[in-house]
Amino acid sequence: MKLDYPAFHSKDPDIERLHYSESWALVNFLTTTKVGQKFFDMVLTDLREGKKVDTLLNAKSMESLKDAWYADIKARMTSG
């Protein structure tokens, strides 16, 4: 998933829909789960303290976020 201009302005409407769906799912995770809210709060706090985005969203933090997001998706799929 990419969050750049070409990802959301593709000539393939199915790809655009996929990217919008993924974006919605990530925002939903960040705003409705304890893990997601903790990560989002950490990023906002660090930004307010003047830290740079590329320092905050490094490979380790993104991998951790991805793992938590996938675990949440899997739990939602198996709980229904």
N, C-alpha and C. Protein backbone atom coordinates (compact mmCIF):
# COMPACT_ATOMS: atom_id res chain seq x y z
N MET A 1 0.84 -1.17 0.00
CA MET A 1 0.00 0.00 0.00
C MET A 1 0.88 1.23 0.00
N LYS A 2 0.51 2.17 -0.82
CA LYS A 2 1.22 3.44 -0.84
C LYS A 2 0.22 4.55 -0.61
N LEU A 3 0.71 5.62 -0.05
CA LEU A 3 -0.14 6.77 0.22
C LEU A 3 0.32 7.97 -0.60
N ASP A 4 0.75 7.71 -1.81
CA ASP A 4 1.20 8.80 -2.66
C ASP A 4 0.16 9.11 -3.74
N TYR A 5 0.37 10.18 -4.46
CA TYR A 5 -0.60 10.64 -5.46
C TYR A 5 -0.92 9.57 -6.51
N PRO A 6 0.09 8.90 -7.10
CA PRO A 6 -0.22 7.90 -8.13
C PRO A 6 -1.09 6.74 -7.62
N ALA A 7 -0.95 6.38 -6.36
CA ALA A 7 -1.75 5.27 -5.83
C ALA A 7 -3.23 5.60 -5.83
N PHE A 8 -3.56 6.86 -5.67
CA PHE A 8 -4.96 7.25 -5.59
C PHE A 8 -5.48 7.86 -6.89
N HIS A 9 -4.64 7.96 -7.88
CA HIS A 9 -5.05 8.51 -9.18
C HIS A 9 -4.52 7.62 -10.30
N SER A 10 -4.94 6.39 -10.23
CA SER A 10 -4.53 5.37 -11.18
C SER A 10 -5.51 5.34 -12.34
N LYS A 11 -5.10 4.73 -13.44
CA LYS A 11 -6.02 4.53 -14.56
C LYS A 11 -6.89 3.30 -14.32
N ASP A 12 -6.57 2.56 -13.26
CA ASP A 12 -7.33 1.35 -12.92
C ASP A 12 -8.21 1.64 -11.70
N PRO A 13 -9.53 1.76 -11.90
CA PRO A 13 -10.42 2.08 -10.78
C PRO A 13 -10.37 1.04 -9.65
N ASP A 14 -10.11 -0.21 -9.99
CA ASP A 14 -10.03 -1.23 -8.94
C ASP A 14 -8.84 -0.99 -8.01
N ILE A 15 -7.74 -0.54 -8.57
CA ILE A 15 -6.56 -0.23 -7.75
C ILE A 15 -6.85 0.97 -6.86
N GLU A 16 -7.51 1.99 -7.40
CA GLU A 16 -7.89 3.15 -6.59
C GLU A 16 -8.80 2.74 -5.46
N ARG A 17 -9.78 1.91 -5.73
CA ARG A 17 -10.69 1.43 -4.68
C ARG A 17 -9.94 0.66 -3.61
N LEU A 18 -9.00 -0.17 -4.04
CA LEU A 18 -8.19 -0.94 -3.10
C LEU A 18 -7.43 0.00 -2.17
N HIS A 19 -6.80 1.01 -2.73
CA HIS A 19 -6.01 1.94 -1.91
C HIS A 19 -6.90 2.74 -0.96
N TYR A 20 -8.05 3.18 -1.40
CA TYR A 20 -8.97 3.88 -0.51
C TYR A 20 -9.46 2.95 0.60
N SER A 21 -9.75 1.70 0.27
CA SER A 21 -10.20 0.73 1.28
C SER A 21 -9.11 0.47 2.31
N GLU A 22 -7.89 0.29 1.84
CA GLU A 22 -6.77 0.08 2.76
C GLU A 22 -6.57 1.29 3.66
N SER A 23 -6.68 2.48 3.09
CA SER A 23 -6.51 3.70 3.87
C SER A 23 -7.58 3.82 4.94
N TRP A 24 -8.83 3.52 4.56
CA TRP A 24 -9.92 3.57 5.53
C TRP A 24 -9.66 2.57 6.66
N ALA A 25 -9.25 1.37 6.30
CA ALA A 25 -9.01 0.34 7.31
C ALA A 25 -7.89 0.74 8.27
N LEU A 26 -6.84 1.37 7.76
CA LEU A 26 -5.75 1.81 8.62
C LEU A 26 -6.20 2.93 9.55
N VAL A 27 -6.92 3.91 9.04
CA VAL A 27 -7.42 5.00 9.88
C VAL A 27 -8.38 4.44 10.93
N ASN A 28 -9.24 3.51 10.54
CA ASN A 28 -10.14 2.89 11.49
C ASN A 28 -9.36 2.20 12.60
N PHE A 29 -8.31 1.48 12.25
CA PHE A 29 -7.47 0.81 13.23
C PHE A 29 -6.82 1.82 14.16
N LEU A 30 -6.29 2.91 13.61
CA LEU A 30 -5.59 3.91 14.41
C LEU A 30 -6.52 4.67 15.36
N THR A 31 -7.80 4.72 15.03
CA THR A 31 -8.72 5.52 15.83
C THR A 31 -9.66 4.71 16.71
N THR A 32 -9.73 3.38 16.52
CA THR A 32 -10.71 2.60 17.28
C THR A 32 -10.10 1.49 18.14
N THR A 33 -8.82 1.25 18.03
CA THR A 33 -8.20 0.19 18.84
C THR A 33 -7.20 0.80 19.81
N LYS A 34 -6.99 0.13 20.92
CA LYS A 34 -6.03 0.62 21.92
C LYS A 34 -4.62 0.71 21.34
N VAL A 35 -4.21 -0.31 20.62
CA VAL A 35 -2.87 -0.33 20.02
C VAL A 35 -2.73 0.79 19.00
N GLY A 36 -3.73 0.93 18.13
CA GLY A 36 -3.69 1.97 17.12
C GLY A 36 -3.70 3.36 17.72
N GLN A 37 -4.55 3.58 18.71
CA GLN A 37 -4.60 4.89 19.37
C GLN A 37 -3.29 5.21 20.06
N LYS A 38 -2.67 4.21 20.68
CA LYS A 38 -1.38 4.41 21.35
C LYS A 38 -0.32 4.83 20.34
N PHE A 39 -0.29 4.14 19.19
CA PHE A 39 0.68 4.48 18.15
C PHE A 39 0.42 5.89 17.62
N PHE A 40 -0.83 6.20 17.33
CA PHE A 40 -1.19 7.52 16.80
C PHE A 40 -0.84 8.62 17.80
N ASP A 41 -1.15 8.40 19.07
CA ASP A 41 -0.82 9.37 20.11
C ASP A 41 0.69 9.57 20.22
N MET A 42 1.45 8.48 20.12
CA MET A 42 2.90 8.57 20.18
C MET A 42 3.44 9.43 19.04
N VAL A 43 2.92 9.19 17.85
CA VAL A 43 3.37 9.97 16.68
C VAL A 43 3.03 11.45 16.86
N LEU A 44 1.80 11.74 17.28
CA LEU A 44 1.41 13.14 17.47
C LEU A 44 2.23 13.82 18.56
N THR A 45 2.47 13.12 19.65
CA THR A 45 3.28 13.68 20.74
C THR A 45 4.69 13.99 20.26
N ASP A 46 5.28 13.04 19.55
CA ASP A 46 6.64 13.24 19.04
C ASP A 46 6.70 14.37 18.02
N LEU A 47 5.67 14.49 17.18
CA LEU A 47 5.65 15.60 16.22
C LEU A 47 5.56 16.95 16.94
N ARG A 48 4.73 17.00 18.00
CA ARG A 48 4.62 18.24 18.77
C ARG A 48 5.94 18.61 19.43
N GLU A 49 6.75 17.60 19.74
CA GLU A 49 8.06 17.83 20.35
C GLU A 49 9.13 18.16 19.32
N GLY A 50 8.73 18.22 18.04
CA GLY A 50 9.65 18.62 17.00
C GLY A 50 10.42 17.50 16.32
N LYS A 51 10.08 16.27 16.61
CA LYS A 51 10.76 15.16 15.95
C LYS A 51 10.31 15.07 14.50
N LYS A 52 11.18 14.57 13.66
CA LYS A 52 10.89 14.47 12.23
C LYS A 52 10.11 13.19 11.92
N VAL A 53 9.22 13.30 10.94
CA VAL A 53 8.35 12.18 10.56
C VAL A 53 9.16 10.96 10.15
N ASP A 54 10.20 11.15 9.36
CA ASP A 54 10.97 9.99 8.89
C ASP A 54 11.70 9.30 10.03
N THR A 55 11.94 9.99 11.13
CA THR A 55 12.53 9.36 12.31
C THR A 55 11.48 8.54 13.04
N LEU A 56 10.27 9.08 13.13
CA LEU A 56 9.18 8.39 13.83
C LEU A 56 8.69 7.16 13.07
N LEU A 57 8.54 7.31 11.78
CA LEU A 57 7.98 6.24 10.95
C LEU A 57 9.10 5.46 10.28
N ASN A 58 10.01 4.97 11.09
CA ASN A 58 11.13 4.19 10.58
C ASN A 58 10.69 2.74 10.34
N ALA A 59 11.57 1.95 9.80
CA ALA A 59 11.23 0.57 9.44
C ALA A 59 10.76 -0.24 10.65
N LYS A 60 11.38 -0.05 11.80
CA LYS A 60 11.00 -0.83 12.99
C LYS A 60 9.60 -0.45 13.47
N SER A 61 9.30 0.85 13.54
CA SER A 61 7.97 1.25 14.02
C SER A 61 6.89 0.86 13.02
N MET A 62 7.19 0.95 11.73
CA MET A 62 6.20 0.57 10.72
C MET A 62 5.95 -0.94 10.73
N GLU A 63 6.99 -1.72 10.96
CA GLU A 63 6.83 -3.17 11.04
C GLU A 63 5.97 -3.54 12.25
N SER A 64 6.20 -2.86 13.36
CA SER A 64 5.41 -3.09 14.56
C SER A 64 3.94 -2.72 14.34
N LEU A 65 3.72 -1.58 13.69
CA LEU A 65 2.36 -1.15 13.38
C LEU A 65 1.68 -2.16 12.46
N LYS A 66 2.39 -2.60 11.43
CA LYS A 66 1.84 -3.58 10.49
C LYS A 66 1.44 -4.87 11.20
N ASP A 67 2.30 -5.35 12.07
CA ASP A 67 2.00 -6.59 12.79
C ASP A 67 0.75 -6.44 13.66
N ALA A 68 0.63 -5.30 14.34
CA ALA A 68 -0.54 -5.06 15.20
C ALA A 68 -1.81 -4.92 14.36
N TRP A 69 -1.69 -4.26 13.22
CA TRP A 69 -2.85 -4.08 12.33
C TRP A 69 -3.31 -5.41 11.78
N TYR A 70 -2.37 -6.22 11.31
CA TYR A 70 -2.72 -7.53 10.78
C TYR A 70 -3.36 -8.41 11.85
N ALA A 71 -2.83 -8.36 13.08
CA ALA A 71 -3.40 -9.15 14.18
C ALA A 71 -4.84 -8.69 14.44
N ASP A 72 -5.09 -7.38 14.37
CA ASP A 72 -6.45 -6.86 14.57
C ASP A 72 -7.37 -7.33 13.45
N ILE A 73 -6.92 -7.29 12.22
CA ILE A 73 -7.73 -7.75 11.08
C ILE A 73 -8.06 -9.23 11.26
N LYS A 74 -7.05 -10.01 11.60
CA LYS A 74 -7.28 -11.45 11.78
C LYS A 74 -8.27 -11.71 12.90
N ALA A 75 -8.16 -10.98 14.01
CA ALA A 75 -9.08 -11.15 15.14
C ALA A 75 -10.51 -10.78 14.72
N ARG A 76 -10.66 -9.73 13.95
CA ARG A 76 -12.00 -9.31 13.50
C ARG A 76 -12.60 -10.35 12.56
N MET A 77 -11.77 -10.94 11.72
CA MET A 77 -12.27 -11.92 10.76
C MET A 77 -12.70 -13.21 11.44
N THR A 78 -12.02 -13.57 12.51
CA THR A 78 -12.33 -14.84 13.17
C THR A 78 -13.34 -14.69 14.30
N SER A 79 -13.66 -13.45 14.68
CA SER A 79 -14.61 -13.26 15.78
C SER A 79 -16.07 -13.27 15.33
N GLY A 80 -16.29 -13.15 14.02
CA GLY A 80 -17.64 -13.06 13.52
C GLY A 80 -18.24 -14.36 13.28
